[in-house]
Amino acid sequence: MNTIQELKDRREKLTLEMESIQRDLMPREEALESPEIIQQGRQRAVQDEINDHKRCIDSRDHEIYLLNQKIDRLEALANRESLAAGYLSGIANWKADEMELNEKRSSIETRLQQVRQSDQEDMAKARQAETDAATAYAQAVAWATWRARKPLTRKLKRQQKTSRLRLSITVANN
């Protein structure tokens, strides 16, 4: 099996050969248009030489292309272990992130349930306070005690303000 360095050396050698052939091709192309070649009738021979040079250039270019593919494949094969390790590390990080996010979601859901429970308890207390105040007021009216009615009216208004305040705080916190 060819080593990567041997393939790179071969590619470099072919590149130098191709450049040399290209340099040799230029004077032939210029000579093709010279009046001397035309007068001697050597146009066909010079054209054949140009075509041979172009075929050599194309051949070396194709061989370089194939060598590049082989070098790339061998380098990828040589780096497969580091690539695989990188992929496995990425997967492990992703799993750790997923677990962390699931823990955060669970914590947030627990906190949301606590807030909802607290809201329900506060609402129940506020309703109970309003019910108690209304009951006391109704009793005072029913007994027709004007003295008891005034403090109960103030107490009812205070409890209504307190329950509204609790309700607005609860809504603001959510």
N, C-alpha and C. Protein backbone atom coordinates (compact mmCIF):
# COMPACT_ATOMS: atom_id res chain seq x y z
N MET A 1 0.86 -1.19 0.00
CA MET A 1 0.00 0.00 0.00
C MET A 1 0.89 1.24 0.00
N ASN A 2 0.54 2.18 -0.82
CA ASN A 2 1.32 3.41 -0.93
C ASN A 2 1.04 4.29 0.29
N THR A 3 2.10 4.88 0.79
CA THR A 3 1.90 5.80 1.89
C THR A 3 1.45 7.14 1.33
N ILE A 4 0.92 7.94 2.18
CA ILE A 4 0.43 9.26 1.76
C ILE A 4 1.58 10.10 1.23
N GLN A 5 2.70 10.03 1.89
CA GLN A 5 3.85 10.84 1.45
C GLN A 5 4.35 10.41 0.08
N GLU A 6 4.37 9.09 -0.19
CA GLU A 6 4.79 8.61 -1.51
C GLU A 6 3.84 9.14 -2.60
N LEU A 7 2.56 9.15 -2.29
CA LEU A 7 1.57 9.65 -3.25
C LEU A 7 1.75 11.15 -3.48
N LYS A 8 2.03 11.88 -2.42
CA LYS A 8 2.25 13.32 -2.56
C LYS A 8 3.52 13.60 -3.38
N ASP A 9 4.56 12.79 -3.15
CA ASP A 9 5.79 12.95 -3.92
C ASP A 9 5.53 12.69 -5.41
N ARG A 10 4.77 11.64 -5.67
CA ARG A 10 4.42 11.30 -7.07
C ARG A 10 3.62 12.45 -7.71
N ARG A 11 2.69 12.99 -6.96
CA ARG A 11 1.88 14.11 -7.46
C ARG A 11 2.76 15.32 -7.77
N GLU A 12 3.71 15.60 -6.91
CA GLU A 12 4.62 16.73 -7.13
C GLU A 12 5.46 16.51 -8.39
N LYS A 13 5.94 15.27 -8.57
CA LYS A 13 6.74 14.95 -9.77
C LYS A 13 5.91 15.14 -11.04
N LEU A 14 4.67 14.67 -11.01
CA LEU A 14 3.79 14.82 -12.18
C LEU A 14 3.48 16.29 -12.46
N THR A 15 3.31 17.07 -11.42
CA THR A 15 3.04 18.50 -11.58
C THR A 15 4.22 19.19 -12.25
N LEU A 16 5.42 18.85 -11.82
CA LEU A 16 6.62 19.44 -12.44
C LEU A 16 6.75 19.03 -13.91
N GLU A 17 6.49 17.75 -14.20
CA GLU A 17 6.53 17.29 -15.59
C GLU A 17 5.52 18.03 -16.45
N MET A 18 4.32 18.19 -15.92
CA MET A 18 3.26 18.86 -16.67
C MET A 18 3.64 20.32 -16.94
N GLU A 19 4.20 20.99 -15.97
CA GLU A 19 4.63 22.38 -16.17
C GLU A 19 5.74 22.46 -17.21
N SER A 20 6.65 21.50 -17.19
CA SER A 20 7.74 21.46 -18.18
C SER A 20 7.18 21.27 -19.60
N ILE A 21 6.23 20.37 -19.72
CA ILE A 21 5.62 20.13 -21.04
C ILE A 21 4.87 21.38 -21.52
N GLN A 22 4.21 22.06 -20.61
CA GLN A 22 3.49 23.29 -20.99
C GLN A 22 4.47 24.37 -21.47
N ARG A 23 5.61 24.47 -20.77
CA ARG A 23 6.61 25.45 -21.22
C ARG A 23 7.15 25.08 -22.61
N ASP A 24 7.33 23.78 -22.87
CA ASP A 24 7.83 23.30 -24.16
C ASP A 24 6.78 23.48 -25.26
N LEU A 25 5.52 23.53 -24.87
CA LEU A 25 4.42 23.64 -25.84
C LEU A 25 4.32 25.06 -26.43
N MET A 26 4.61 26.06 -25.66
CA MET A 26 4.45 27.45 -26.12
C MET A 26 5.26 27.76 -27.39
N PRO A 27 6.55 27.43 -27.45
CA PRO A 27 7.30 27.74 -28.68
C PRO A 27 6.75 27.00 -29.91
N ARG A 28 6.23 25.80 -29.72
CA ARG A 28 5.68 25.04 -30.84
C ARG A 28 4.42 25.73 -31.39
N GLU A 29 3.58 26.24 -30.46
CA GLU A 29 2.37 26.93 -30.90
C GLU A 29 2.73 28.22 -31.65
N GLU A 30 3.76 28.91 -31.17
CA GLU A 30 4.21 30.12 -31.85
C GLU A 30 4.82 29.77 -33.23
N ALA A 31 5.56 28.64 -33.29
CA ALA A 31 6.20 28.23 -34.54
C ALA A 31 5.16 27.84 -35.59
N LEU A 32 4.03 27.32 -35.14
CA LEU A 32 2.98 26.90 -36.06
C LEU A 32 2.52 28.08 -36.93
N GLU A 33 2.57 29.26 -36.41
CA GLU A 33 2.12 30.44 -37.15
C GLU A 33 3.26 31.16 -37.87
N SER A 34 4.47 30.67 -37.74
CA SER A 34 5.60 31.35 -38.40
C SER A 34 5.59 31.07 -39.90
N PRO A 35 6.04 32.04 -40.69
CA PRO A 35 6.04 31.87 -42.15
C PRO A 35 7.00 30.77 -42.62
N GLU A 36 8.07 30.52 -41.88
CA GLU A 36 9.04 29.48 -42.28
C GLU A 36 8.39 28.10 -42.28
N ILE A 37 7.64 27.81 -41.22
CA ILE A 37 6.98 26.50 -41.12
C ILE A 37 5.95 26.36 -42.22
N ILE A 38 5.26 27.43 -42.48
CA ILE A 38 4.23 27.39 -43.53
C ILE A 38 4.88 27.14 -44.90
N GLN A 39 6.00 27.80 -45.16
CA GLN A 39 6.69 27.63 -46.45
C GLN A 39 7.26 26.22 -46.59
N GLN A 40 7.74 25.67 -45.51
CA GLN A 40 8.35 24.32 -45.57
C GLN A 40 7.28 23.23 -45.61
N GLY A 41 6.03 23.60 -45.31
CA GLY A 41 4.96 22.61 -45.34
C GLY A 41 5.00 21.68 -44.11
N ARG A 42 5.56 22.16 -43.05
CA ARG A 42 5.68 21.34 -41.82
C ARG A 42 4.54 21.62 -40.83
N GLN A 43 3.53 22.26 -41.27
CA GLN A 43 2.43 22.61 -40.37
C GLN A 43 1.81 21.36 -39.72
N ARG A 44 1.62 20.34 -40.52
CA ARG A 44 1.00 19.11 -40.00
C ARG A 44 1.89 18.46 -38.95
N ALA A 45 3.18 18.42 -39.17
CA ALA A 45 4.11 17.81 -38.23
C ALA A 45 4.15 18.60 -36.91
N VAL A 46 4.16 19.91 -37.02
CA VAL A 46 4.18 20.75 -35.81
C VAL A 46 2.86 20.60 -35.06
N GLN A 47 1.76 20.53 -35.80
CA GLN A 47 0.44 20.35 -35.17
C GLN A 47 0.39 19.01 -34.44
N ASP A 48 0.97 17.96 -35.02
CA ASP A 48 1.01 16.65 -34.36
C ASP A 48 1.83 16.72 -33.07
N GLU A 49 2.95 17.44 -33.10
CA GLU A 49 3.76 17.60 -31.88
C GLU A 49 2.97 18.34 -30.80
N ILE A 50 2.25 19.37 -31.20
CA ILE A 50 1.42 20.14 -30.24
C ILE A 50 0.36 19.23 -29.62
N ASN A 51 -0.28 18.43 -30.48
CA ASN A 51 -1.31 17.51 -29.99
C ASN A 51 -0.72 16.48 -29.03
N ASP A 52 0.46 15.95 -29.35
CA ASP A 52 1.13 15.00 -28.44
C ASP A 52 1.41 15.65 -27.08
N HIS A 53 1.89 16.87 -27.10
CA HIS A 53 2.16 17.58 -25.84
C HIS A 53 0.87 17.78 -25.03
N LYS A 54 -0.19 18.15 -25.73
CA LYS A 54 -1.47 18.37 -25.05
C LYS A 54 -2.01 17.07 -24.43
N ARG A 55 -1.83 15.96 -25.15
CA ARG A 55 -2.25 14.66 -24.62
C ARG A 55 -1.44 14.32 -23.36
N CYS A 56 -0.14 14.59 -23.40
CA CYS A 56 0.71 14.33 -22.22
C CYS A 56 0.26 15.19 -21.03
N ILE A 57 -0.06 16.44 -21.32
CA ILE A 57 -0.53 17.34 -20.25
C ILE A 57 -1.84 16.82 -19.67
N ASP A 58 -2.77 16.45 -20.56
CA ASP A 58 -4.07 15.92 -20.09
C ASP A 58 -3.89 14.63 -19.30
N SER A 59 -3.00 13.77 -19.75
CA SER A 59 -2.75 12.51 -19.06
C SER A 59 -2.22 12.75 -17.65
N ARG A 60 -1.24 13.64 -17.53
CA ARG A 60 -0.67 13.93 -16.22
C ARG A 60 -1.68 14.64 -15.32
N ASP A 61 -2.47 15.50 -15.92
CA ASP A 61 -3.50 16.20 -15.16
C ASP A 61 -4.51 15.20 -14.58
N HIS A 62 -4.91 14.23 -15.39
CA HIS A 62 -5.84 13.21 -14.92
C HIS A 62 -5.21 12.34 -13.83
N GLU A 63 -3.96 12.00 -14.01
CA GLU A 63 -3.26 11.19 -13.01
C GLU A 63 -3.13 11.96 -11.68
N ILE A 64 -2.88 13.25 -11.77
CA ILE A 64 -2.82 14.10 -10.56
C ILE A 64 -4.19 14.13 -9.88
N TYR A 65 -5.24 14.23 -10.68
CA TYR A 65 -6.60 14.22 -10.14
C TYR A 65 -6.87 12.92 -9.36
N LEU A 66 -6.50 11.79 -9.96
CA LEU A 66 -6.70 10.49 -9.29
C LEU A 66 -5.87 10.38 -8.02
N LEU A 67 -4.64 10.89 -8.07
CA LEU A 67 -3.78 10.87 -6.88
C LEU A 67 -4.38 11.73 -5.76
N ASN A 68 -4.93 12.87 -6.12
CA ASN A 68 -5.57 13.73 -5.12
C ASN A 68 -6.73 13.02 -4.43
N GLN A 69 -7.53 12.30 -5.21
CA GLN A 69 -8.64 11.55 -4.62
C GLN A 69 -8.12 10.48 -3.66
N LYS A 70 -7.09 9.77 -4.10
CA LYS A 70 -6.54 8.71 -3.27
C LYS A 70 -5.92 9.28 -1.98
N ILE A 71 -5.21 10.39 -2.10
CA ILE A 71 -4.61 11.04 -0.93
C ILE A 71 -5.70 11.48 0.04
N ASP A 72 -6.74 12.10 -0.48
CA ASP A 72 -7.85 12.55 0.37
C ASP A 72 -8.49 11.38 1.11
N ARG A 73 -8.71 10.28 0.39
CA ARG A 73 -9.33 9.11 0.99
C ARG A 73 -8.43 8.52 2.09
N LEU A 74 -7.14 8.42 1.81
CA LEU A 74 -6.20 7.87 2.81
C LEU A 74 -6.08 8.78 4.03
N GLU A 75 -6.08 10.10 3.81
CA GLU A 75 -6.01 11.02 4.95
C GLU A 75 -7.27 10.93 5.80
N ALA A 76 -8.42 10.81 5.15
CA ALA A 76 -9.67 10.66 5.91
C ALA A 76 -9.66 9.35 6.70
N LEU A 77 -9.13 8.31 6.08
CA LEU A 77 -9.04 7.02 6.76
C LEU A 77 -8.10 7.11 7.96
N ALA A 78 -7.00 7.82 7.80
CA ALA A 78 -6.04 7.98 8.89
C ALA A 78 -6.63 8.81 10.04
N ASN A 79 -7.51 9.73 9.71
CA ASN A 79 -8.10 10.60 10.73
C ASN A 79 -9.42 10.08 11.28
N ARG A 80 -9.81 8.89 10.89
CA ARG A 80 -11.13 8.39 11.28
C ARG A 80 -11.28 8.24 12.79
N GLU A 81 -10.22 7.84 13.47
CA GLU A 81 -10.31 7.65 14.91
C GLU A 81 -10.52 8.97 15.64
N SER A 82 -9.81 10.00 15.21
CA SER A 82 -10.00 11.30 15.86
C SER A 82 -11.37 11.87 15.52
N LEU A 83 -11.84 11.64 14.28
CA LEU A 83 -13.19 12.09 13.92
C LEU A 83 -14.24 11.35 14.75
N ALA A 84 -14.08 10.05 14.88
CA ALA A 84 -15.03 9.26 15.67
C ALA A 84 -15.02 9.71 17.12
N ALA A 85 -13.84 9.96 17.67
CA ALA A 85 -13.75 10.43 19.05
C ALA A 85 -14.46 11.77 19.20
N GLY A 86 -14.29 12.65 18.23
CA GLY A 86 -14.98 13.94 18.26
C GLY A 86 -16.49 13.78 18.20
N TYR A 87 -16.96 12.88 17.35
CA TYR A 87 -18.40 12.64 17.26
C TYR A 87 -18.95 12.06 18.56
N LEU A 88 -18.23 11.11 19.15
CA LEU A 88 -18.68 10.52 20.41
C LEU A 88 -18.70 11.55 21.53
N SER A 89 -17.71 12.42 21.54
CA SER A 89 -17.67 13.49 22.53
C SER A 89 -18.86 14.42 22.36
N GLY A 90 -19.17 14.74 21.12
CA GLY A 90 -20.32 15.59 20.83
C GLY A 90 -21.63 14.95 21.30
N ILE A 91 -21.75 13.65 21.08
CA ILE A 91 -22.95 12.93 21.52
C ILE A 91 -23.05 12.94 23.03
N ALA A 92 -21.93 12.72 23.71
CA ALA A 92 -21.93 12.73 25.17
C ALA A 92 -22.32 14.11 25.70
N ASN A 93 -21.79 15.16 25.08
CA ASN A 93 -22.15 16.52 25.49
C ASN A 93 -23.63 16.78 25.26
N TRP A 94 -24.14 16.30 24.14
CA TRP A 94 -25.56 16.48 23.84
C TRP A 94 -26.42 15.78 24.88
N LYS A 95 -26.03 14.57 25.26
CA LYS A 95 -26.80 13.83 26.26
C LYS A 95 -26.76 14.54 27.62
N ALA A 96 -25.60 15.07 27.99
CA ALA A 96 -25.48 15.81 29.25
C ALA A 96 -26.36 17.05 29.22
N ASP A 97 -26.37 17.75 28.09
CA ASP A 97 -27.21 18.94 27.95
C ASP A 97 -28.69 18.57 28.04
N GLU A 98 -29.04 17.45 27.41
CA GLU A 98 -30.43 17.01 27.46
C GLU A 98 -30.86 16.70 28.89
N MET A 99 -30.00 16.01 29.63
CA MET A 99 -30.32 15.69 31.03
C MET A 99 -30.47 16.96 31.86
N GLU A 100 -29.57 17.91 31.64
CA GLU A 100 -29.63 19.18 32.39
C GLU A 100 -30.93 19.92 32.07
N LEU A 101 -31.31 19.95 30.81
CA LEU A 101 -32.55 20.62 30.42
C LEU A 101 -33.77 19.91 31.01
N ASN A 102 -33.74 18.60 31.04
CA ASN A 102 -34.86 17.85 31.63
C ASN A 102 -34.97 18.14 33.12
N GLU A 103 -33.83 18.25 33.81
CA GLU A 103 -33.85 18.58 35.23
C GLU A 103 -34.43 19.98 35.45
N LYS A 104 -34.03 20.93 34.61
CA LYS A 104 -34.55 22.30 34.71
C LYS A 104 -36.05 22.33 34.45
N ARG A 105 -36.48 21.57 33.44
CA ARG A 105 -37.92 21.52 33.14
C ARG A 105 -38.69 20.95 34.31
N SER A 106 -38.17 19.90 34.92
CA SER A 106 -38.82 19.29 36.07
C SER A 106 -38.90 20.28 37.23
N SER A 107 -37.82 21.00 37.47
CA SER A 107 -37.79 21.99 38.53
C SER A 107 -38.81 23.10 38.28
N ILE A 108 -38.88 23.55 37.04
CA ILE A 108 -39.83 24.62 36.69
C ILE A 108 -41.27 24.12 36.83
N GLU A 109 -41.53 22.89 36.43
CA GLU A 109 -42.88 22.33 36.56
C GLU A 109 -43.27 22.21 38.03
N THR A 110 -42.32 21.79 38.87
CA THR A 110 -42.59 21.69 40.31
C THR A 110 -42.91 23.07 40.88
N ARG A 111 -42.11 24.06 40.51
CA ARG A 111 -42.34 25.42 41.00
C ARG A 111 -43.68 25.95 40.51
N LEU A 112 -44.04 25.67 39.28
CA LEU A 112 -45.33 26.10 38.74
C LEU A 112 -46.48 25.48 39.52
N GLN A 113 -46.37 24.20 39.85
CA GLN A 113 -47.40 23.54 40.64
C GLN A 113 -47.52 24.17 42.02
N GLN A 114 -46.38 24.52 42.62
CA GLN A 114 -46.39 25.17 43.93
C GLN A 114 -47.09 26.52 43.86
N VAL A 115 -46.78 27.30 42.81
CA VAL A 115 -47.40 28.61 42.65
C VAL A 115 -48.90 28.47 42.44
N ARG A 116 -49.30 27.51 41.63
CA ARG A 116 -50.74 27.30 41.39
C ARG A 116 -51.45 26.90 42.68
N GLN A 117 -50.82 26.01 43.45
CA GLN A 117 -51.41 25.59 44.72
C GLN A 117 -51.54 26.77 45.67
N SER A 118 -50.49 27.58 45.74
CA SER A 118 -50.51 28.76 46.60
C SER A 118 -51.60 29.73 46.15
N ASP A 119 -51.75 29.90 44.85
CA ASP A 119 -52.80 30.78 44.32
C ASP A 119 -54.18 30.28 44.70
N GLN A 120 -54.39 28.98 44.57
CA GLN A 120 -55.69 28.41 44.93
C GLN A 120 -55.98 28.60 46.41
N GLU A 121 -54.97 28.40 47.25
CA GLU A 121 -55.15 28.59 48.69
C GLU A 121 -55.46 30.05 49.01
N ASP A 122 -54.73 30.98 48.38
CA ASP A 122 -54.98 32.41 48.61
C ASP A 122 -56.38 32.80 48.16
N MET A 123 -56.81 32.28 47.01
CA MET A 123 -58.16 32.58 46.52
C MET A 123 -59.22 32.02 47.48
N ALA A 124 -58.99 30.80 47.98
CA ALA A 124 -59.94 30.20 48.91
C ALA A 124 -60.01 31.03 50.21
N LYS A 125 -58.84 31.49 50.70
CA LYS A 125 -58.82 32.32 51.90
C LYS A 125 -59.55 33.64 51.67
N ALA A 126 -59.33 34.22 50.51
CA ALA A 126 -60.00 35.49 50.20
C ALA A 126 -61.51 35.30 50.11
N ARG A 127 -61.95 34.23 49.48
CA ARG A 127 -63.40 33.96 49.40
C ARG A 127 -63.99 33.72 50.79
N GLN A 128 -63.23 32.97 51.61
CA GLN A 128 -63.70 32.68 52.96
C GLN A 128 -63.79 33.97 53.78
N ALA A 129 -62.79 34.87 53.62
CA ALA A 129 -62.82 36.13 54.35
C ALA A 129 -64.01 36.97 53.93
N GLU A 130 -64.29 37.02 52.64
CA GLU A 130 -65.45 37.77 52.15
C GLU A 130 -66.74 37.15 52.66
N THR A 131 -66.81 35.83 52.66
CA THR A 131 -68.00 35.14 53.16
C THR A 131 -68.20 35.43 54.64
N ASP A 132 -67.12 35.36 55.43
CA ASP A 132 -67.22 35.62 56.87
C ASP A 132 -67.67 37.06 57.14
N ALA A 133 -67.08 38.00 56.39
CA ALA A 133 -67.44 39.40 56.58
C ALA A 133 -68.90 39.64 56.19
N ALA A 134 -69.32 39.06 55.08
CA ALA A 134 -70.71 39.24 54.65
C ALA A 134 -71.67 38.61 55.65
N THR A 135 -71.29 37.47 56.20
CA THR A 135 -72.13 36.81 57.20
C THR A 135 -72.25 37.67 58.45
N ALA A 136 -71.11 38.21 58.90
CA ALA A 136 -71.14 39.05 60.09
C ALA A 136 -71.96 40.32 59.85
N TYR A 137 -71.83 40.89 58.67
CA TYR A 137 -72.60 42.08 58.34
C TYR A 137 -74.09 41.76 58.28
N ALA A 138 -74.41 40.63 57.67
CA ALA A 138 -75.82 40.23 57.59
C ALA A 138 -76.40 40.00 58.98
N GLN A 139 -75.60 39.42 59.84
CA GLN A 139 -76.08 39.19 61.22
C GLN A 139 -76.29 40.52 61.94
N ALA A 140 -75.38 41.44 61.72
CA ALA A 140 -75.51 42.74 62.38
C ALA A 140 -76.75 43.47 61.87
N VAL A 141 -77.00 43.38 60.58
CA VAL A 141 -78.19 44.02 60.02
C VAL A 141 -79.43 43.33 60.55
N ALA A 142 -79.37 42.03 60.60
CA ALA A 142 -80.53 41.28 61.07
C ALA A 142 -80.82 41.59 62.54
N TRP A 143 -79.82 41.82 63.31
CA TRP A 143 -80.03 42.12 64.73
C TRP A 143 -80.35 43.59 64.91
N ALA A 144 -80.12 44.32 63.83
CA ALA A 144 -80.41 45.75 63.84
C ALA A 144 -79.64 46.49 64.91
N THR A 145 -78.45 46.10 65.09
CA THR A 145 -77.60 46.80 66.05
C THR A 145 -76.72 47.75 65.27
N TRP A 146 -77.05 49.02 65.41
CA TRP A 146 -76.32 50.02 64.64
C TRP A 146 -74.89 50.18 65.13
N ARG A 147 -74.70 49.95 66.38
CA ARG A 147 -73.34 50.09 66.89
C ARG A 147 -72.42 49.00 66.33
N ALA A 148 -72.90 47.82 66.22
CA ALA A 148 -72.09 46.72 65.71
C ALA A 148 -71.92 46.82 64.20
N ARG A 149 -72.88 47.51 63.55
CA ARG A 149 -72.87 47.58 62.10
C ARG A 149 -71.69 48.40 61.56
N LYS A 150 -71.39 49.55 62.20
CA LYS A 150 -70.31 50.41 61.71
C LYS A 150 -68.95 49.71 61.76
N PRO A 151 -68.56 49.11 62.88
CA PRO A 151 -67.25 48.42 62.87
C PRO A 151 -67.23 47.24 61.88
N LEU A 152 -68.34 46.57 61.73
CA LEU A 152 -68.37 45.45 60.79
C LEU A 152 -68.24 45.94 59.35
N THR A 153 -68.84 47.10 59.05
CA THR A 153 -68.72 47.66 57.72
C THR A 153 -67.26 47.99 57.43
N ARG A 154 -66.59 48.62 58.41
CA ARG A 154 -65.16 48.91 58.24
C ARG A 154 -64.36 47.62 58.08
N LYS A 155 -64.67 46.62 58.88
CA LYS A 155 -63.94 45.33 58.80
C LYS A 155 -64.16 44.68 57.43
N LEU A 156 -65.39 44.74 56.94
CA LEU A 156 -65.71 44.16 55.63
C LEU A 156 -64.91 44.86 54.54
N LYS A 157 -64.87 46.20 54.58
CA LYS A 157 -64.12 46.94 53.57
C LYS A 157 -62.63 46.62 53.64
N ARG A 158 -62.09 46.51 54.86
CA ARG A 158 -60.68 46.16 55.01
C ARG A 158 -60.39 44.77 54.45
N GLN A 159 -61.24 43.83 54.74
CA GLN A 159 -61.03 42.47 54.24
C GLN A 159 -61.16 42.41 52.72
N GLN A 160 -62.07 43.19 52.17
CA GLN A 160 -62.20 43.22 50.72
C GLN A 160 -60.94 43.81 50.08
N LYS A 161 -60.42 44.89 50.69
CA LYS A 161 -59.18 45.48 50.17
C LYS A 161 -58.03 44.49 50.29
N THR A 162 -57.97 43.80 51.44
CA THR A 162 -56.89 42.82 51.66
C THR A 162 -56.99 41.68 50.64
N SER A 163 -58.18 41.17 50.38
CA SER A 163 -58.34 40.07 49.43
C SER A 163 -58.03 40.54 48.01
N ARG A 164 -58.41 41.79 47.67
CA ARG A 164 -58.06 42.32 46.35
C ARG A 164 -56.55 42.49 46.23
N LEU A 165 -55.91 42.95 47.30
CA LEU A 165 -54.47 43.13 47.30
C LEU A 165 -53.76 41.79 47.12
N ARG A 166 -54.22 40.78 47.86
CA ARG A 166 -53.62 39.44 47.71
C ARG A 166 -53.80 38.93 46.29
N LEU A 167 -54.98 39.13 45.74
CA LEU A 167 -55.26 38.68 44.39
C LEU A 167 -54.37 39.41 43.38
N SER A 168 -54.19 40.72 43.54
CA SER A 168 -53.34 41.46 42.59
C SER A 168 -51.87 41.07 42.74
N ILE A 169 -51.43 40.79 43.96
CA ILE A 169 -50.04 40.33 44.17
C ILE A 169 -49.84 38.98 43.52
N THR A 170 -50.79 38.09 43.68
CA THR A 170 -50.71 36.76 43.09
C THR A 170 -50.67 36.85 41.58
N VAL A 171 -51.51 37.68 41.01
CA VAL A 171 -51.53 37.84 39.55
C VAL A 171 -50.22 38.45 39.08
N ALA A 172 -49.71 39.42 39.82
CA ALA A 172 -48.45 40.07 39.43
C ALA A 172 -47.27 39.09 39.50
N ASN A 173 -47.27 38.20 40.46
CA ASN A 173 -46.18 37.22 40.60
C ASN A 173 -46.20 36.18 39.50
N ASN A 174 -47.35 35.93 38.95
CA ASN A 174 -47.44 34.93 37.90
C ASN A 174 -47.22 35.59 36.57
